[in-house]
PDB file of N, CA and C in Angstrom:
ATOM      1  N   UNK A   1       0.846  -1.179   0.000  1.00  0.00           N
ATOM      2  CA  UNK A   1       0.000   0.000   0.000  1.00  0.00           C
ATOM      3  C   UNK A   1       0.892   1.244   0.000  1.00  0.00           C
ATOM      4  N   UNK A   2       0.628   2.208  -0.872  1.00  0.00           N
ATOM      5  CA  UNK A   2       1.469   3.415  -0.936  1.00  0.00           C
ATOM      6  C   UNK A   2       1.281   4.288   0.297  1.00  0.00           C
ATOM      7  N   UNK A   3       2.318   5.039   0.607  1.00  0.00           N
ATOM      8  CA  UNK A   3       2.230   5.948   1.748  1.00  0.00           C
ATOM      9  C   UNK A   3       1.761   7.313   1.267  1.00  0.00           C
ATOM     10  N   UNK A   4       0.838   7.879   2.001  1.00  0.00           N
ATOM     11  CA  UNK A   4       0.261   9.178   1.682  1.00  0.00           C
ATOM     12  C   UNK A   4       1.096  10.284   2.305  1.00  0.00           C
ATOM     13  N   UNK A   5       1.014  11.463   1.722  1.00  0.00           N
ATOM     14  CA  UNK A   5       1.723  12.627   2.250  1.00  0.00           C
ATOM     15  C   UNK A   5       0.713  13.496   2.998  1.00  0.00           C
ATOM     16  N   UNK A   6       1.114  13.974   4.177  1.00  0.00           N
ATOM     17  CA  UNK A   6       0.263  14.834   4.991  1.00  0.00           C
ATOM     18  C   UNK A   6       0.701  16.281   4.794  1.00  0.00           C
ATOM     19  N   UNK A   7      -0.228  17.143   4.418  1.00  0.00           N
ATOM     20  CA  UNK A   7       0.011  18.583   4.323  1.00  0.00           C
ATOM     21  C   UNK A   7      -0.940  19.278   5.288  1.00  0.00           C
ATOM     22  N   UNK A   8      -0.418  20.249   6.037  1.00  0.00           N
ATOM     23  CA  UNK A   8      -1.226  20.962   7.028  1.00  0.00           C
ATOM     24  C   UNK A   8      -1.330  22.422   6.609  1.00  0.00           C
ATOM     25  N   UNK A   9      -2.560  22.912   6.487  1.00  0.00           N
ATOM     26  CA  UNK A   9      -2.750  24.320   6.152  1.00  0.00           C
ATOM     27  C   UNK A   9      -2.290  25.194   7.316  1.00  0.00           C
ATOM     28  N   UNK A  10      -2.142  26.484   7.059  1.00  0.00           N
ATOM     29  CA  UNK A  10      -1.563  27.400   8.039  1.00  0.00           C
ATOM     30  C   UNK A  10      -2.403  27.525   9.312  1.00  0.00           C
ATOM     31  N   UNK A  11      -3.719  27.689   9.181  1.00  0.00           N
ATOM     32  CA  UNK A  11      -4.563  27.888  10.367  1.00  0.00           C
ATOM     33  C   UNK A  11      -4.491  26.709  11.335  1.00  0.00           C
ATOM     34  N   UNK A  12      -4.648  25.458  10.869  1.00  0.00           N
ATOM     35  CA  UNK A  12      -4.515  24.356  11.822  1.00  0.00           C
ATOM     36  C   UNK A  12      -3.109  24.225  12.400  1.00  0.00           C
ATOM     37  N   UNK A  13      -2.099  24.556  11.615  1.00  0.00           N
ATOM     38  CA  UNK A  13      -0.722  24.498  12.128  1.00  0.00           C
ATOM     39  C   UNK A  13      -0.540  25.480  13.281  1.00  0.00           C
ATOM     40  N   UNK A  14      -1.061  26.689  13.121  1.00  0.00           N
ATOM     41  CA  UNK A  14      -0.959  27.696  14.186  1.00  0.00           C
ATOM     42  C   UNK A  14      -1.759  27.268  15.415  1.00  0.00           C
ATOM     43  N   UNK A  15      -2.922  26.686  15.205  1.00  0.00           N
ATOM     44  CA  UNK A  15      -3.738  26.217  16.328  1.00  0.00           C
ATOM     45  C   UNK A  15      -3.004  25.129  17.104  1.00  0.00           C
ATOM     46  N   UNK A  16      -2.346  24.232  16.398  1.00  0.00           N
ATOM     47  CA  UNK A  16      -1.606  23.156  17.055  1.00  0.00           C
ATOM     48  C   UNK A  16      -0.464  23.695  17.908  1.00  0.00           C
ATOM     49  N   UNK A  17       0.203  24.713  17.441  1.00  0.00           N
ATOM     50  CA  UNK A  17       1.345  25.273  18.184  1.00  0.00           C
ATOM     51  C   UNK A  17       0.935  25.878  19.522  1.00  0.00           C
ATOM     52  N   UNK A  18      -0.314  26.305  19.642  1.00  0.00           N
ATOM     53  CA  UNK A  18      -0.776  26.946  20.878  1.00  0.00           C
ATOM     54  C   UNK A  18      -1.289  25.950  21.917  1.00  0.00           C
ATOM     55  N   UNK A  19      -1.319  24.688  21.581  1.00  0.00           N
ATOM     56  CA  UNK A  19      -1.884  23.676  22.474  1.00  0.00           C
ATOM     57  C   UNK A  19      -0.832  23.118  23.426  1.00  0.00           C
ATOM     58  N   UNK A  20      -1.279  22.537  24.545  1.00  0.00           N
ATOM     59  CA  UNK A  20      -0.338  21.858  25.443  1.00  0.00           C
ATOM     60  C   UNK A  20       0.371  20.714  24.713  1.00  0.00           C
ATOM     61  N   UNK A  21       1.588  20.460  25.102  1.00  0.00           N
ATOM     62  CA  UNK A  21       2.446  19.490  24.417  1.00  0.00           C
ATOM     63  C   UNK A  21       1.799  18.099  24.329  1.00  0.00           C
ATOM     64  N   UNK A  22       1.164  17.626  25.397  1.00  0.00           N
ATOM     65  CA  UNK A  22       0.583  16.281  25.364  1.00  0.00           C
ATOM     66  C   UNK A  22      -0.558  16.179  24.353  1.00  0.00           C
ATOM     67  N   UNK A  23      -1.378  17.220  24.247  1.00  0.00           N
ATOM     68  CA  UNK A  23      -2.457  17.224  23.262  1.00  0.00           C
ATOM     69  C   UNK A  23      -1.894  17.338  21.844  1.00  0.00           C
ATOM     70  N   UNK A  24      -0.860  18.154  21.685  1.00  0.00           N
ATOM     71  CA  UNK A  24      -0.189  18.258  20.378  1.00  0.00           C
ATOM     72  C   UNK A  24       0.271  16.877  19.911  1.00  0.00           C
ATOM     73  N   UNK A  25       0.905  16.154  20.807  1.00  0.00           N
ATOM     74  CA  UNK A  25       1.441  14.842  20.451  1.00  0.00           C
ATOM     75  C   UNK A  25       0.337  13.881  20.031  1.00  0.00           C
ATOM     76  N   UNK A  26      -0.785  13.907  20.741  1.00  0.00           N
ATOM     77  CA  UNK A  26      -1.907  13.030  20.386  1.00  0.00           C
ATOM     78  C   UNK A  26      -2.473  13.382  19.014  1.00  0.00           C
ATOM     79  N   UNK A  27      -2.599  14.683  18.746  1.00  0.00           N
ATOM     80  CA  UNK A  27      -3.143  15.122  17.461  1.00  0.00           C
ATOM     81  C   UNK A  27      -2.183  14.799  16.313  1.00  0.00           C
ATOM     82  N   UNK A  28      -0.882  15.059  16.515  1.00  0.00           N
ATOM     83  CA  UNK A  28       0.099  14.737  15.473  1.00  0.00           C
ATOM     84  C   UNK A  28       0.155  13.227  15.209  1.00  0.00           C
ATOM     85  N   UNK A  29       0.054  12.437  16.259  1.00  0.00           N
ATOM     86  CA  UNK A  29       0.056  10.984  16.084  1.00  0.00           C
ATOM     87  C   UNK A  29      -1.141  10.550  15.236  1.00  0.00           C
ATOM     88  N   UNK A  30      -2.304  11.129  15.510  1.00  0.00           N
ATOM     89  CA  UNK A  30      -3.504  10.806  14.724  1.00  0.00           C
ATOM     90  C   UNK A  30      -3.335  11.237  13.271  1.00  0.00           C
ATOM     91  N   UNK A  31      -2.752  12.428  13.067  1.00  0.00           N
ATOM     92  CA  UNK A  31      -2.545  12.899  11.694  1.00  0.00           C
ATOM     93  C   UNK A  31      -1.579  11.988  10.944  1.00  0.00           C
ATOM     94  N   UNK A  32      -0.510  11.574  11.597  1.00  0.00           N
ATOM     95  CA  UNK A  32       0.474  10.719  10.932  1.00  0.00           C
ATOM     96  C   UNK A  32      -0.075   9.317  10.662  1.00  0.00           C
ATOM     97  N   UNK A  33      -1.055   8.890  11.438  1.00  0.00           N
ATOM     98  CA  UNK A  33      -1.669   7.591  11.149  1.00  0.00           C
ATOM     99  C   UNK A  33      -2.408   7.614   9.812  1.00  0.00           C
ATOM    100  N   UNK A  34      -2.786   8.810   9.358  1.00  0.00           N
ATOM    101  CA  UNK A  34      -3.466   8.945   8.064  1.00  0.00           C
ATOM    102  C   UNK A  34      -2.528   8.667   6.893  1.00  0.00           C
ATOM    103  N   UNK A  35      -1.212   8.676   7.138  1.00  0.00           N
ATOM    104  CA  UNK A  35      -0.250   8.353   6.076  1.00  0.00           C
ATOM    105  C   UNK A  35      -0.427   6.914   5.596  1.00  0.00           C
ATOM    106  N   UNK A  36      -0.797   6.038   6.488  1.00  0.00           N
ATOM    107  CA  UNK A  36      -0.985   4.631   6.139  1.00  0.00           C
ATOM    108  C   UNK A  36      -2.391   4.349   5.619  1.00  0.00           C
ATOM    109  N   UNK A  37      -3.387   5.018   6.206  1.00  0.00           N
ATOM    110  CA  UNK A  37      -4.784   4.787   5.821  1.00  0.00           C
ATOM    111  C   UNK A  37      -5.567   6.079   6.002  1.00  0.00           C
ATOM    112  N   UNK A  38      -5.819   6.824   4.927  1.00  0.00           N
ATOM    113  CA  UNK A  38      -6.528   8.101   5.057  1.00  0.00           C
ATOM    114  C   UNK A  38      -8.023   7.944   5.355  1.00  0.00           C
ATOM    115  N   UNK A  39      -8.518   6.730   5.264  1.00  0.00           N
ATOM    116  CA  UNK A  39      -9.926   6.474   5.588  1.00  0.00           C
ATOM    117  C   UNK A  39     -10.009   5.368   6.645  1.00  0.00           C
ATOM    118  N   UNK A  40      -9.515   5.644   7.855  1.00  0.00           N
ATOM    119  CA  UNK A  40      -9.547   4.615   8.896  1.00  0.00           C
ATOM    120  C   UNK A  40     -10.989   4.338   9.327  1.00  0.00           C
ATOM    121  N   UNK A  41     -11.215   3.240  10.031  1.00  0.00           N
ATOM    122  CA  UNK A  41     -12.580   2.895  10.446  1.00  0.00           C
ATOM    123  C   UNK A  41     -13.261   3.974  11.294  1.00  0.00           C
ATOM    124  N   UNK A  42     -12.490   4.758  12.028  1.00  0.00           N
ATOM    125  CA  UNK A  42     -13.092   5.771  12.898  1.00  0.00           C
ATOM    126  C   UNK A  42     -13.293   7.120  12.216  1.00  0.00           C
ATOM    127  N   UNK A  43     -13.033   7.231  10.914  1.00  0.00           N
ATOM    128  CA  UNK A  43     -13.240   8.505  10.226  1.00  0.00           C
ATOM    129  C   UNK A  43     -14.692   8.613   9.785  1.00  0.00           C
ATOM    130  N   UNK A  44     -15.118   9.840   9.561  1.00  0.00           N
ATOM    131  CA  UNK A  44     -16.479  10.068   9.096  1.00  0.00           C
ATOM    132  C   UNK A  44     -16.447  11.096   7.978  1.00  0.00           C
ATOM    133  N   UNK A  45     -17.131  10.802   6.891  1.00  0.00           N
ATOM    134  CA  UNK A  45     -17.261  11.767   5.800  1.00  0.00           C
ATOM    135  C   UNK A  45     -18.260  12.818   6.248  1.00  0.00           C
ATOM    136  N   UNK A  46     -17.910  14.098   6.071  1.00  0.00           N
ATOM    137  CA  UNK A  46     -18.786  15.174   6.517  1.00  0.00           C
ATOM    138  C   UNK A  46     -19.910  15.404   5.512  1.00  0.00           C
ATOM    139  N   UNK A  47     -21.122  15.407   6.005  1.00  0.00           N
ATOM    140  CA  UNK A  47     -22.299  15.632   5.170  1.00  0.00           C
ATOM    141  C   UNK A  47     -22.328  17.097   4.761  1.00  0.00           C
ATOM    142  N   UNK A  48     -22.574  17.360   3.493  1.00  0.00           N
ATOM    143  CA  UNK A  48     -22.656  18.730   3.002  1.00  0.00           C
ATOM    144  C   UNK A  48     -21.342  19.292   2.492  1.00  0.00           C
ATOM    145  N   UNK A  49     -20.274  18.517   2.592  1.00  0.00           N
ATOM    146  CA  UNK A  49     -18.963  18.940   2.098  1.00  0.00           C
ATOM    147  C   UNK A  49     -18.479  17.880   1.118  1.00  0.00           C
ATOM    148  N   UNK A  50     -18.007  18.319  -0.021  1.00  0.00           N
ATOM    149  CA  UNK A  50     -17.670  17.397  -1.109  1.00  0.00           C
ATOM    150  C   UNK A  50     -16.710  16.289  -0.681  1.00  0.00           C
ATOM    151  N   UNK A  51     -15.551  16.633  -0.206  1.00  0.00           N
ATOM    152  CA  UNK A  51     -14.530  15.623   0.079  1.00  0.00           C
ATOM    153  C   UNK A  51     -13.882  15.820   1.436  1.00  0.00           C
ATOM    154  N   UNK A  52     -14.636  16.205   2.451  1.00  0.00           N
ATOM    155  CA  UNK A  52     -14.054  16.401   3.777  1.00  0.00           C
ATOM    156  C   UNK A  52     -14.390  15.229   4.688  1.00  0.00           C
ATOM    157  N   UNK A  53     -13.396  14.854   5.477  1.00  0.00           N
ATOM    158  CA  UNK A  53     -13.531  13.788   6.458  1.00  0.00           C
ATOM    159  C   UNK A  53     -13.092  14.333   7.805  1.00  0.00           C
ATOM    160  N   UNK A  54     -13.453  13.619   8.867  1.00  0.00           N
ATOM    161  CA  UNK A  54     -12.980  14.020  10.182  1.00  0.00           C
ATOM    162  C   UNK A  54     -12.673  12.787  11.014  1.00  0.00           C
ATOM    163  N   UNK A  55     -11.687  12.966  11.895  1.00  0.00           N
ATOM    164  CA  UNK A  55     -11.404  11.961  12.914  1.00  0.00           C
ATOM    165  C   UNK A  55     -11.442  12.653  14.263  1.00  0.00           C
ATOM    166  N   UNK A  56     -11.771  11.885  15.293  1.00  0.00           N
ATOM    167  CA  UNK A  56     -11.856  12.420  16.649  1.00  0.00           C
ATOM    168  C   UNK A  56     -10.598  12.068  17.426  1.00  0.00           C
ATOM    169  N   UNK A  57     -10.156  13.037  18.215  1.00  0.00           N
ATOM    170  CA  UNK A  57      -9.057  12.821  19.152  1.00  0.00           C
ATOM    171  C   UNK A  57      -9.494  13.510  20.435  1.00  0.00           C
ATOM    172  N   UNK A  58      -9.910  12.736  21.397  1.00  0.00           N
ATOM    173  CA  UNK A  58     -10.491  13.232  22.648  1.00  0.00           C
ATOM    174  C   UNK A  58     -11.682  14.125  22.277  1.00  0.00           C
ATOM    175  N   UNK A  59     -11.693  15.397  22.711  1.00  0.00           N
ATOM    176  CA  UNK A  59     -12.774  16.324  22.367  1.00  0.00           C
ATOM    177  C   UNK A  59     -12.411  17.195  21.172  1.00  0.00           C
ATOM    178  N   UNK A  60     -11.381  16.843  20.461  1.00  0.00           N
ATOM    179  CA  UNK A  60     -10.914  17.612  19.306  1.00  0.00           C
ATOM    180  C   UNK A  60     -11.249  16.875  18.025  1.00  0.00           C
ATOM    181  N   UNK A  61     -11.307  17.629  16.933  1.00  0.00           N
ATOM    182  CA  UNK A  61     -11.575  17.050  15.623  1.00  0.00           C
ATOM    183  C   UNK A  61     -10.482  17.482  14.647  1.00  0.00           C
ATOM    184  N   UNK A  62     -10.070  16.571  13.816  1.00  0.00           N
ATOM    185  CA  UNK A  62      -9.157  16.857  12.713  1.00  0.00           C
ATOM    186  C   UNK A  62      -9.980  16.700  11.443  1.00  0.00           C
ATOM    187  N   UNK A  63     -10.124  17.791  10.699  1.00  0.00           N
ATOM    188  CA  UNK A  63     -10.892  17.775   9.450  1.00  0.00           C
ATOM    189  C   UNK A  63      -9.888  17.815   8.302  1.00  0.00           C
ATOM    190  N   UNK A  64     -10.089  16.944   7.323  1.00  0.00           N
ATOM    191  CA  UNK A  64      -9.114  16.846   6.242  1.00  0.00           C
ATOM    192  C   UNK A  64      -9.780  16.472   4.924  1.00  0.00           C
ATOM    193  N   UNK A  65      -9.076  16.786   3.853  1.00  0.00           N
ATOM    194  CA  UNK A  65      -9.494  16.417   2.499  1.00  0.00           C
ATOM    195  C   UNK A  65      -8.507  15.387   1.967  1.00  0.00           C
ATOM    196  N   UNK A  66      -8.989  14.536   1.089  1.00  0.00           N
ATOM    197  CA  UNK A  66      -8.155  13.496   0.497  1.00  0.00           C
ATOM    198  C   UNK A  66      -8.064  13.733  -1.005  1.00  0.00           C
ATOM    199  N   UNK A  67      -6.834  13.797  -1.495  1.00  0.00           N
ATOM    200  CA  UNK A  67      -6.598  13.902  -2.938  1.00  0.00           C
ATOM    201  C   UNK A  67      -6.058  12.552  -3.404  1.00  0.00           C
ATOM    202  N   UNK A  68      -6.965  11.682  -3.825  1.00  0.00           N
ATOM    203  CA  UNK A  68      -6.594  10.314  -4.197  1.00  0.00           C
ATOM    204  C   UNK A  68      -5.585  10.254  -5.334  1.00  0.00           C
ATOM    205  N   UNK A  69      -5.725  11.118  -6.317  1.00  0.00           N
ATOM    206  CA  UNK A  69      -4.842  11.056  -7.483  1.00  0.00           C
ATOM    207  C   UNK A  69      -3.405  11.440  -7.161  1.00  0.00           C
ATOM    208  N   UNK A  70      -3.210  12.279  -6.130  1.00  0.00           N
ATOM    209  CA  UNK A  70      -1.857  12.726  -5.766  1.00  0.00           C
ATOM    210  C   UNK A  70      -1.357  12.109  -4.459  1.00  0.00           C
ATOM    211  N   UNK A  71      -2.170  11.253  -3.828  1.00  0.00           N
ATOM    212  CA  UNK A  71      -1.834  10.619  -2.548  1.00  0.00           C
ATOM    213  C   UNK A  71      -1.516  11.663  -1.481  1.00  0.00           C
ATOM    214  N   UNK A  72      -2.393  12.658  -1.359  1.00  0.00           N
ATOM    215  CA  UNK A  72      -2.213  13.733  -0.384  1.00  0.00           C
ATOM    216  C   UNK A  72      -3.408  13.784   0.559  1.00  0.00           C
ATOM    217  N   UNK A  73      -3.106  13.950   1.847  1.00  0.00           N
ATOM    218  CA  UNK A  73      -4.118  14.237   2.859  1.00  0.00           C
ATOM    219  C   UNK A  73      -3.861  15.670   3.310  1.00  0.00           C
ATOM    220  N   UNK A  74      -4.833  16.541   3.098  1.00  0.00           N
ATOM    221  CA  UNK A  74      -4.702  17.959   3.426  1.00  0.00           C
ATOM    222  C   UNK A  74      -5.498  18.261   4.687  1.00  0.00           C
ATOM    223  N   UNK A  75      -4.797  18.612   5.766  1.00  0.00           N
ATOM    224  CA  UNK A  75      -5.448  18.957   7.031  1.00  0.00           C
ATOM    225  C   UNK A  75      -5.965  20.387   6.905  1.00  0.00           C
ATOM    226  N   UNK A  76      -7.282  20.567   7.009  1.00  0.00           N
ATOM    227  CA  UNK A  76      -7.870  21.895   6.821  1.00  0.00           C
ATOM    228  C   UNK A  76      -8.305  22.540   8.129  1.00  0.00           C
ATOM    229  N   UNK A  77      -8.504  21.741   9.189  1.00  0.00           N
ATOM    230  CA  UNK A  77      -8.917  22.322  10.467  1.00  0.00           C
ATOM    231  C   UNK A  77      -8.598  21.365  11.598  1.00  0.00           C
ATOM    232  N   UNK A  78      -8.153  21.926  12.708  1.00  0.00           N
ATOM    233  CA  UNK A  78      -7.953  21.202  13.958  1.00  0.00           C
ATOM    234  C   UNK A  78      -8.521  22.104  15.036  1.00  0.00           C
ATOM    235  N   UNK A  79      -9.580  21.646  15.701  1.00  0.00           N
ATOM    236  CA  UNK A  79     -10.255  22.505  16.674  1.00  0.00           C
ATOM    237  C   UNK A  79     -11.101  21.652  17.614  1.00  0.00           C
ATOM    238  N   UNK A  80     -11.524  22.247  18.737  1.00  0.00           N
ATOM    239  CA  UNK A  80     -12.427  21.526  19.634  1.00  0.00           C
ATOM    240  C   UNK A  80     -13.751  21.223  18.934  1.00  0.00           C
ATOM    241  N   UNK A  81     -14.406  20.199  19.378  1.00  0.00           N
ATOM    242  CA  UNK A  81     -15.661  19.774  18.776  1.00  0.00           C
ATOM    243  C   UNK A  81     -16.678  20.906  18.697  1.00  0.00           C
ATOM    244  N   UNK A  82     -16.750  21.726  19.717  1.00  0.00           N
ATOM    245  CA  UNK A  82     -17.760  22.789  19.783  1.00  0.00           C
ATOM    246  C   UNK A  82     -17.604  23.840  18.689  1.00  0.00           C
ATOM    247  N   UNK A  83     -16.388  24.036  18.187  1.00  0.00           N
ATOM    248  CA  UNK A  83     -16.178  25.130  17.233  1.00  0.00           C
ATOM    249  C   UNK A  83     -15.624  24.705  15.878  1.00  0.00           C
ATOM    250  N   UNK A  84     -15.299  23.458  15.696  1.00  0.00           N
ATOM    251  CA  UNK A  84     -14.589  23.036  14.481  1.00  0.00           C
ATOM    252  C   UNK A  84     -15.390  23.276  13.206  1.00  0.00           C
ATOM    253  N   UNK A  85     -16.689  23.112  13.253  1.00  0.00           N
ATOM    254  CA  UNK A  85     -17.480  23.180  12.022  1.00  0.00           C
ATOM    255  C   UNK A  85     -17.850  24.608  11.632  1.00  0.00           C
ATOM    256  N   UNK A  86     -17.657  25.570  12.515  1.00  0.00           N
ATOM    257  CA  UNK A  86     -17.963  26.974  12.206  1.00  0.00           C
ATOM    258  C   UNK A  86     -17.018  27.555  11.164  1.00  0.00           C
ATOM    259  N   UNK A  87     -15.785  27.082  11.128  1.00  0.00           N
ATOM    260  CA  UNK A  87     -14.764  27.668  10.255  1.00  0.00           C
ATOM    261  C   UNK A  87     -14.635  26.983   8.902  1.00  0.00           C
ATOM    262  N   UNK A  88     -15.486  26.030   8.617  1.00  0.00           N
ATOM    263  CA  UNK A  88     -15.370  25.307   7.336  1.00  0.00           C
ATOM    264  C   UNK A  88     -16.085  26.037   6.224  1.00  0.00           C
TER     265      UNK A  88
END
């Protein structure tokens, strides 16, 4: 199985930098797991958005797009559950 490349947009990257180190590590670990399988069993396709998926990490959500033809996973948002969908 080919390995996917993870790209993180600027806004989620900045949000990650402001988080406590232990939460950062959990979120980065979840993002890197997408390199092996961008559609893991715990992911959910977002209704109303063409190609957006999300995975849960504690009370946080990682929202991402998958570019199958280029083997890229693009992280578009990392935020708490309460606010993650407002910025999409």
